[in-house]
Amino acid sequence: GLFEDRPTIDFYPSASGEMKVLKTSTKCVITMDIGPFDAKETVLQGSDGQVHHSRQLRALTPYRATFGYDVLVHVGLSVFRHCRSERAIIEDLACNNIAISQREVGFLAKKFIAYLAIAHEQSRHRLKQVMASRGGYVLHLDGTCEKDSPHLFTGMDGIAQIVLDNIKLPSERAESLIPFFRQIRDRYGDPIALVHDMGSGILSAVDAVFKDVPDF
């Protein structure tokens, strides 16, 4: 099958000074570029007791995970941007010598969203700097829902077209929106203007959080 006679690639830490081999471990790794292979990692320990792992291996795949970051991103974009079915994704990956189950595709899609949220949070200060360099941001506020499902409410910079934050809420009532609006203000500062619809909950929440901001 796809996992027979796979190659072995050695990974070593980039460390200097007096080191000793703490252990070696081998695991199967699957990436888009290489396909399935055995990653043999040598873990070193310095005289100070610090343990050194291979940064190269960590850049390819999460710790203790089999599928590489590139597979995770491929699955995430296929599901959420291109709206492809799990079956279609499985067939697509098979063309790249990657065997994956339907359950694993679903898991990687959820993992992609978690990593995307973490990356967005880590980029918050950079986003703030970019918006400040453009003279500030115009905060667009809107929510969407289907029938009785929760509202997905989003705050976006209308100038840079950057989604700043979003949240699931039971309804667009002011008491639910106010903490969300305060969170955006605390993270990015006051916008230079607001744009939103005339929903009563949004109007009340905006009046409570953004009193002196031009409101459209």
C-alpha atoms as a PDB file:
ATOM      1  CA  GLY A   1       0.000   0.000   0.000  1.00  0.00           C
ATOM      2  CA  LEU A   2       0.909   3.645   0.298  1.00  0.00           C
ATOM      3  CA  PHE A   3       2.839   3.112   3.543  1.00  0.00           C
ATOM      4  CA  GLU A   4       5.057   0.206   2.439  1.00  0.00           C
ATOM      5  CA  ASP A   5       8.783   0.776   1.826  1.00  0.00           C
ATOM      6  CA  ARG A   6       8.589   4.438   2.814  1.00  0.00           C
ATOM      7  CA  PRO A   7      11.927   6.276   3.097  1.00  0.00           C
ATOM      8  CA  THR A   8      13.587   7.244   6.374  1.00  0.00           C
ATOM      9  CA  ILE A   9      14.758  10.826   6.903  1.00  0.00           C
ATOM     10  CA  ASP A  10      17.053  11.744   9.800  1.00  0.00           C
ATOM     11  CA  PHE A  11      16.434  14.908  11.810  1.00  0.00           C
ATOM     12  CA  TYR A  12      18.928  16.496  14.223  1.00  0.00           C
ATOM     13  CA  PRO A  13      18.700  19.582  16.450  1.00  0.00           C
ATOM     14  CA  SER A  14      20.778  22.634  15.530  1.00  0.00           C
ATOM     15  CA  ALA A  15      22.531  22.978  18.883  1.00  0.00           C
ATOM     16  CA  SER A  16      26.043  23.987  19.897  1.00  0.00           C
ATOM     17  CA  GLY A  17      28.205  23.200  22.900  1.00  0.00           C
ATOM     18  CA  GLU A  18      28.631  19.975  24.784  1.00  0.00           C
ATOM     19  CA  MET A  19      25.721  17.661  23.987  1.00  0.00           C
ATOM     20  CA  LYS A  20      24.755  14.079  24.610  1.00  0.00           C
ATOM     21  CA  VAL A  21      22.180  11.942  22.860  1.00  0.00           C
ATOM     22  CA  LEU A  22      19.123  11.733  25.071  1.00  0.00           C
ATOM     23  CA  LYS A  23      17.080   9.460  22.811  1.00  0.00           C
ATOM     24  CA  THR A  24      16.129   8.687  19.250  1.00  0.00           C
ATOM     25  CA  SER A  25      12.562   8.171  18.101  1.00  0.00           C
ATOM     26  CA  THR A  26      10.904   7.297  14.814  1.00  0.00           C
ATOM     27  CA  LYS A  27       7.413   8.156  13.668  1.00  0.00           C
ATOM     28  CA  CYS A  28       5.518   8.150  10.380  1.00  0.00           C
ATOM     29  CA  VAL A  29       5.061  11.616   8.901  1.00  0.00           C
ATOM     30  CA  ILE A  30       2.929  12.456   5.854  1.00  0.00           C
ATOM     31  CA  THR A  31       3.384  15.721   3.942  1.00  0.00           C
ATOM     32  CA  MET A  32       2.181  17.035   0.602  1.00  0.00           C
ATOM     33  CA  ASP A  33       5.698  17.465  -0.805  1.00  0.00           C
ATOM     34  CA  ILE A  34       7.259  14.185   0.341  1.00  0.00           C
ATOM     35  CA  GLY A  35       4.337  11.877   0.982  1.00  0.00           C
ATOM     36  CA  PRO A  36       4.658   9.264   3.769  1.00  0.00           C
ATOM     37  CA  PHE A  37       8.103   8.782   5.331  1.00  0.00           C
ATOM     38  CA  ASP A  38       9.682   7.711   8.608  1.00  0.00           C
ATOM     39  CA  ALA A  39      11.094  10.659  10.530  1.00  0.00           C
ATOM     40  CA  LYS A  40      13.965   9.525  12.732  1.00  0.00           C
ATOM     41  CA  GLU A  41      14.691  12.244  15.271  1.00  0.00           C
ATOM     42  CA  THR A  42      17.778  12.433  17.474  1.00  0.00           C
ATOM     43  CA  VAL A  43      17.044  14.388  20.661  1.00  0.00           C
ATOM     44  CA  LEU A  44      20.022  15.996  22.400  1.00  0.00           C
ATOM     45  CA  GLN A  45      20.544  17.258  25.944  1.00  0.00           C
ATOM     46  CA  GLY A  46      22.995  19.978  26.904  1.00  0.00           C
ATOM     47  CA  SER A  47      25.167  20.140  30.002  1.00  0.00           C
ATOM     48  CA  ASP A  48      22.602  22.553  31.479  1.00  0.00           C
ATOM     49  CA  GLY A  49      19.884  19.909  31.172  1.00  0.00           C
ATOM     50  CA  GLN A  50      18.077  21.650  28.335  1.00  0.00           C
ATOM     51  CA  VAL A  51      16.517  19.280  25.784  1.00  0.00           C
ATOM     52  CA  HIS A  52      16.900  20.100  22.081  1.00  0.00           C
ATOM     53  CA  HIS A  53      14.499  18.834  19.397  1.00  0.00           C
ATOM     54  CA  SER A  54      14.762  19.223  15.626  1.00  0.00           C
ATOM     55  CA  ARG A  55      13.286  22.552  14.528  1.00  0.00           C
ATOM     56  CA  GLN A  56      13.140  21.268  10.967  1.00  0.00           C
ATOM     57  CA  LEU A  57      10.857  18.406  11.971  1.00  0.00           C
ATOM     58  CA  ARG A  58       8.702  20.719  14.109  1.00  0.00           C
ATOM     59  CA  ALA A  59       8.308  22.993  11.076  1.00  0.00           C
ATOM     60  CA  LEU A  60       6.956  20.081   9.030  1.00  0.00           C
ATOM     61  CA  THR A  61       4.448  18.573  11.447  1.00  0.00           C
ATOM     62  CA  PRO A  62       2.969  19.300  14.889  1.00  0.00           C
ATOM     63  CA  TYR A  63       4.442  17.472  17.872  1.00  0.00           C
ATOM     64  CA  ARG A  64       3.293  13.825  17.957  1.00  0.00           C
ATOM     65  CA  ALA A  65       1.140  14.363  14.863  1.00  0.00           C
ATOM     66  CA  THR A  66       1.359  12.291  11.683  1.00  0.00           C
ATOM     67  CA  PHE A  67       0.036  14.680   9.047  1.00  0.00           C
ATOM     68  CA  GLY A  68       2.132  17.723   8.186  1.00  0.00           C
ATOM     69  CA  TYR A  69       1.065  21.343   8.369  1.00  0.00           C
ATOM     70  CA  ASP A  70       0.738  21.468   4.579  1.00  0.00           C
ATOM     71  CA  VAL A  71      -1.797  18.611   4.647  1.00  0.00           C
ATOM     72  CA  LEU A  72      -3.703  20.368   7.439  1.00  0.00           C
ATOM     73  CA  VAL A  73      -3.816  23.635   5.457  1.00  0.00           C
ATOM     74  CA  HIS A  74      -4.855  21.793   2.282  1.00  0.00           C
ATOM     75  CA  VAL A  75      -7.758  20.151   4.114  1.00  0.00           C
ATOM     76  CA  GLY A  76      -8.794  23.392   5.840  1.00  0.00           C
ATOM     77  CA  LEU A  77      -8.855  25.429   2.638  1.00  0.00           C
ATOM     78  CA  SER A  78     -10.619  22.640   0.762  1.00  0.00           C
ATOM     79  CA  VAL A  79     -13.404  22.502   3.375  1.00  0.00           C
ATOM     80  CA  PHE A  80     -13.896  26.145   4.302  1.00  0.00           C
ATOM     81  CA  ARG A  81     -12.847  28.068   1.188  1.00  0.00           C
ATOM     82  CA  HIS A  82     -13.651  25.667  -1.652  1.00  0.00           C
ATOM     83  CA  CYS A  83     -16.575  23.831   0.052  1.00  0.00           C
ATOM     84  CA  ARG A  84     -15.333  20.413  -1.048  1.00  0.00           C
ATOM     85  CA  SER A  85     -16.740  17.204   0.408  1.00  0.00           C
ATOM     86  CA  GLU A  86     -14.680  14.889   2.580  1.00  0.00           C
ATOM     87  CA  ARG A  87     -14.848  12.218  -0.131  1.00  0.00           C
ATOM     88  CA  ALA A  88     -13.499  14.640  -2.750  1.00  0.00           C
ATOM     89  CA  ILE A  89     -10.657  15.654  -0.422  1.00  0.00           C
ATOM     90  CA  ILE A  90      -9.742  12.011   0.185  1.00  0.00           C
ATOM     91  CA  GLU A  91      -9.581  11.372  -3.564  1.00  0.00           C
ATOM     92  CA  ASP A  92      -7.544  14.525  -4.126  1.00  0.00           C
ATOM     93  CA  LEU A  93      -4.984  13.584  -1.456  1.00  0.00           C
ATOM     94  CA  ALA A  94      -4.733  10.045  -2.840  1.00  0.00           C
ATOM     95  CA  CYS A  95      -3.351  11.604  -6.036  1.00  0.00           C
ATOM     96  CA  ASN A  96      -0.508  12.954  -3.869  1.00  0.00           C
ATOM     97  CA  ASN A  97       0.210   9.503  -2.377  1.00  0.00           C
ATOM     98  CA  ILE A  98      -1.578  10.414   0.856  1.00  0.00           C
ATOM     99  CA  ALA A  99      -4.043   7.947   2.356  1.00  0.00           C
ATOM    100  CA  ILE A 100      -6.438   9.487   4.875  1.00  0.00           C
ATOM    101  CA  SER A 101      -9.743   8.485   6.432  1.00  0.00           C
ATOM    102  CA  GLN A 102     -12.941  10.506   6.392  1.00  0.00           C
ATOM    103  CA  ARG A 103     -12.750  10.863  10.168  1.00  0.00           C
ATOM    104  CA  GLU A 104      -9.203  12.238   9.929  1.00  0.00           C
ATOM    105  CA  VAL A 105     -10.287  14.790   7.326  1.00  0.00           C
ATOM    106  CA  GLY A 106     -12.957  16.059   9.714  1.00  0.00           C
ATOM    107  CA  PHE A 107     -10.463  16.217  12.578  1.00  0.00           C
ATOM    108  CA  LEU A 108      -7.878  18.128  10.522  1.00  0.00           C
ATOM    109  CA  ALA A 109     -10.543  20.626   9.423  1.00  0.00           C
ATOM    110  CA  LYS A 110     -11.355  21.397  13.076  1.00  0.00           C
ATOM    111  CA  LYS A 111      -7.645  21.567  13.894  1.00  0.00           C
ATOM    112  CA  PHE A 112      -7.151  24.034  11.036  1.00  0.00           C
ATOM    113  CA  ILE A 113      -9.744  26.381  12.553  1.00  0.00           C
ATOM    114  CA  ALA A 114      -8.055  26.143  15.970  1.00  0.00           C
ATOM    115  CA  TYR A 115      -4.634  26.964  14.508  1.00  0.00           C
ATOM    116  CA  LEU A 116      -6.114  29.785  12.432  1.00  0.00           C
ATOM    117  CA  ALA A 117      -7.625  31.331  15.577  1.00  0.00           C
ATOM    118  CA  ILE A 118      -4.279  31.052  17.384  1.00  0.00           C
ATOM    119  CA  ALA A 119      -2.406  32.609  14.453  1.00  0.00           C
ATOM    120  CA  HIS A 120      -4.939  35.468  14.315  1.00  0.00           C
ATOM    121  CA  GLU A 121      -4.533  36.111  18.034  1.00  0.00           C
ATOM    122  CA  GLN A 122      -0.734  36.119  17.747  1.00  0.00           C
ATOM    123  CA  SER A 123      -0.968  38.605  14.852  1.00  0.00           C
ATOM    124  CA  ARG A 124      -3.214  41.038  16.716  1.00  0.00           C
ATOM    125  CA  HIS A 125      -0.495  43.636  17.420  1.00  0.00           C
ATOM    126  CA  ARG A 126       0.733  43.524  13.810  1.00  0.00           C
ATOM    127  CA  LEU A 127      -2.820  44.008  12.559  1.00  0.00           C
ATOM    128  CA  LYS A 128      -3.197  47.006  14.844  1.00  0.00           C
ATOM    129  CA  GLN A 129       0.028  48.520  13.474  1.00  0.00           C
ATOM    130  CA  VAL A 130      -1.093  48.006   9.866  1.00  0.00           C
ATOM    131  CA  MET A 131      -4.434  49.699  10.515  1.00  0.00           C
ATOM    132  CA  ALA A 132      -2.755  52.570  12.372  1.00  0.00           C
ATOM    133  CA  SER A 133      -0.384  53.130   9.431  1.00  0.00           C
ATOM    134  CA  ARG A 134      -3.445  53.582   7.203  1.00  0.00           C
ATOM    135  CA  GLY A 135      -4.951  56.214   9.457  1.00  0.00           C
ATOM    136  CA  GLY A 136      -7.154  53.937  11.553  1.00  0.00           C
ATOM    137  CA  TYR A 137      -9.946  51.512  10.799  1.00  0.00           C
ATOM    138  CA  VAL A 138     -13.641  51.654   9.943  1.00  0.00           C
ATOM    139  CA  LEU A 139     -15.458  49.032  11.967  1.00  0.00           C
ATOM    140  CA  HIS A 140     -18.119  47.148  10.016  1.00  0.00           C
ATOM    141  CA  LEU A 141     -20.450  45.151  12.260  1.00  0.00           C
ATOM    142  CA  ASP A 142     -22.890  42.525  11.103  1.00  0.00           C
ATOM    143  CA  GLY A 143     -24.356  39.158  12.049  1.00  0.00           C
ATOM    144  CA  THR A 144     -25.858  36.257  10.169  1.00  0.00           C
ATOM    145  CA  CYS A 145     -27.870  33.195  11.099  1.00  0.00           C
ATOM    146  CA  GLU A 146     -30.069  30.484   9.634  1.00  0.00           C
ATOM    147  CA  LYS A 147     -33.487  29.939  11.215  1.00  0.00           C
ATOM    148  CA  ASP A 148     -33.025  29.128  14.929  1.00  0.00           C
ATOM    149  CA  SER A 149     -29.239  28.673  14.808  1.00  0.00           C
ATOM    150  CA  PRO A 150     -26.917  30.981  16.800  1.00  0.00           C
ATOM    151  CA  HIS A 151     -25.893  34.302  15.269  1.00  0.00           C
ATOM    152  CA  LEU A 152     -22.367  34.489  13.877  1.00  0.00           C
ATOM    153  CA  PHE A 153     -21.419  38.093  14.558  1.00  0.00           C
ATOM    154  CA  THR A 154     -18.360  39.666  12.924  1.00  0.00           C
ATOM    155  CA  GLY A 155     -16.344  42.859  13.298  1.00  0.00           C
ATOM    156  CA  MET A 156     -14.261  43.798  10.243  1.00  0.00           C
ATOM    157  CA  ASP A 157     -12.004  46.654   9.200  1.00  0.00           C
ATOM    158  CA  GLY A 158     -13.685  48.022   6.090  1.00  0.00           C
ATOM    159  CA  ILE A 159     -10.501  49.732   4.865  1.00  0.00           C
ATOM    160  CA  ALA A 160      -8.035  46.819   4.969  1.00  0.00           C
ATOM    161  CA  GLN A 161     -10.768  44.165   4.603  1.00  0.00           C
ATOM    162  CA  ILE A 162      -9.446  42.335   7.676  1.00  0.00           C
ATOM    163  CA  VAL A 163     -11.734  40.340   9.953  1.00  0.00           C
ATOM    164  CA  LEU A 164     -10.873  41.542  13.457  1.00  0.00           C
ATOM    165  CA  ASP A 165     -13.015  39.223  15.548  1.00  0.00           C
ATOM    166  CA  ASN A 166     -16.128  37.092  15.462  1.00  0.00           C
ATOM    167  CA  ILE A 167     -18.300  35.275  17.940  1.00  0.00           C
ATOM    168  CA  LYS A 168     -21.351  33.028  18.139  1.00  0.00           C
ATOM    169  CA  LEU A 169     -24.222  34.605  20.069  1.00  0.00           C
ATOM    170  CA  PRO A 170     -27.705  33.339  20.928  1.00  0.00           C
ATOM    171  CA  SER A 171     -29.189  36.588  19.570  1.00  0.00           C
ATOM    172  CA  GLU A 172     -28.329  40.151  18.561  1.00  0.00           C
ATOM    173  CA  ARG A 173     -29.427  41.583  21.897  1.00  0.00           C
ATOM    174  CA  ALA A 174     -27.418  44.457  23.342  1.00  0.00           C
ATOM    175  CA  GLU A 175     -26.342  42.564  26.480  1.00  0.00           C
ATOM    176  CA  SER A 176     -24.708  39.925  24.257  1.00  0.00           C
ATOM    177  CA  LEU A 177     -23.106  42.411  21.869  1.00  0.00           C
ATOM    178  CA  ILE A 178     -21.641  44.857  24.409  1.00  0.00           C
ATOM    179  CA  PRO A 179     -18.873  42.518  25.715  1.00  0.00           C
ATOM    180  CA  PHE A 180     -17.948  41.651  22.120  1.00  0.00           C
ATOM    181  CA  PHE A 181     -17.729  45.318  21.092  1.00  0.00           C
ATOM    182  CA  ARG A 182     -15.658  46.130  24.186  1.00  0.00           C
ATOM    183  CA  GLN A 183     -13.267  43.324  23.314  1.00  0.00           C
ATOM    184  CA  ILE A 184     -12.683  44.780  19.844  1.00  0.00           C
ATOM    185  CA  ARG A 185     -12.188  48.278  21.300  1.00  0.00           C
ATOM    186  CA  ASP A 186      -9.734  47.003  23.948  1.00  0.00           C
ATOM    187  CA  ARG A 187      -7.710  45.097  21.346  1.00  0.00           C
ATOM    188  CA  TYR A 188      -7.634  47.610  18.497  1.00  0.00           C
ATOM    189  CA  GLY A 189      -8.639  50.949  19.971  1.00  0.00           C
ATOM    190  CA  ASP A 190     -11.550  53.121  18.884  1.00  0.00           C
ATOM    191  CA  PRO A 191     -12.377  53.014  15.160  1.00  0.00           C
ATOM    192  CA  ILE A 192     -12.578  56.224  13.136  1.00  0.00           C
ATOM    193  CA  ALA A 193     -16.146  55.304  12.152  1.00  0.00           C
ATOM    194  CA  LEU A 194     -18.778  52.574  12.474  1.00  0.00           C
ATOM    195  CA  VAL A 195     -20.952  50.970   9.807  1.00  0.00           C
ATOM    196  CA  HIS A 196     -23.841  48.632  10.657  1.00  0.00           C
ATOM    197  CA  ASP A 197     -27.546  48.052  10.147  1.00  0.00           C
ATOM    198  CA  MET A 198     -30.335  49.578  12.236  1.00  0.00           C
ATOM    199  CA  GLY A 199     -31.039  46.615  14.494  1.00  0.00           C
ATOM    200  CA  SER A 200     -32.121  47.779  17.928  1.00  0.00           C
ATOM    201  CA  GLY A 201     -29.600  45.555  19.731  1.00  0.00           C
ATOM    202  CA  ILE A 202     -26.682  46.843  17.646  1.00  0.00           C
ATOM    203  CA  LEU A 203     -27.777  50.462  18.110  1.00  0.00           C
ATOM    204  CA  SER A 204     -27.951  50.102  21.895  1.00  0.00           C
ATOM    205  CA  ALA A 205     -24.623  48.260  22.130  1.00  0.00           C
ATOM    206  CA  VAL A 206     -22.837  50.780  19.887  1.00  0.00           C
ATOM    207  CA  ASP A 207     -24.198  53.649  21.965  1.00  0.00           C
ATOM    208  CA  ALA A 208     -22.887  51.972  25.132  1.00  0.00           C
ATOM    209  CA  VAL A 209     -19.371  51.201  23.839  1.00  0.00           C
ATOM    210  CA  PHE A 210     -18.564  53.724  21.087  1.00  0.00           C
ATOM    211  CA  LYS A 211     -20.245  56.929  22.315  1.00  0.00           C
ATOM    212  CA  ASP A 212     -18.126  59.509  20.452  1.00  0.00           C
ATOM    213  CA  VAL A 213     -17.365  57.540  17.265  1.00  0.00           C
ATOM    214  CA  PRO A 214     -19.077  58.686  14.002  1.00  0.00           C
ATOM    215  CA  ASP A 215     -21.833  56.176  13.345  1.00  0.00           C
ATOM    216  CA  PHE A 216     -23.248  55.315   9.924  1.00  0.00           C
END
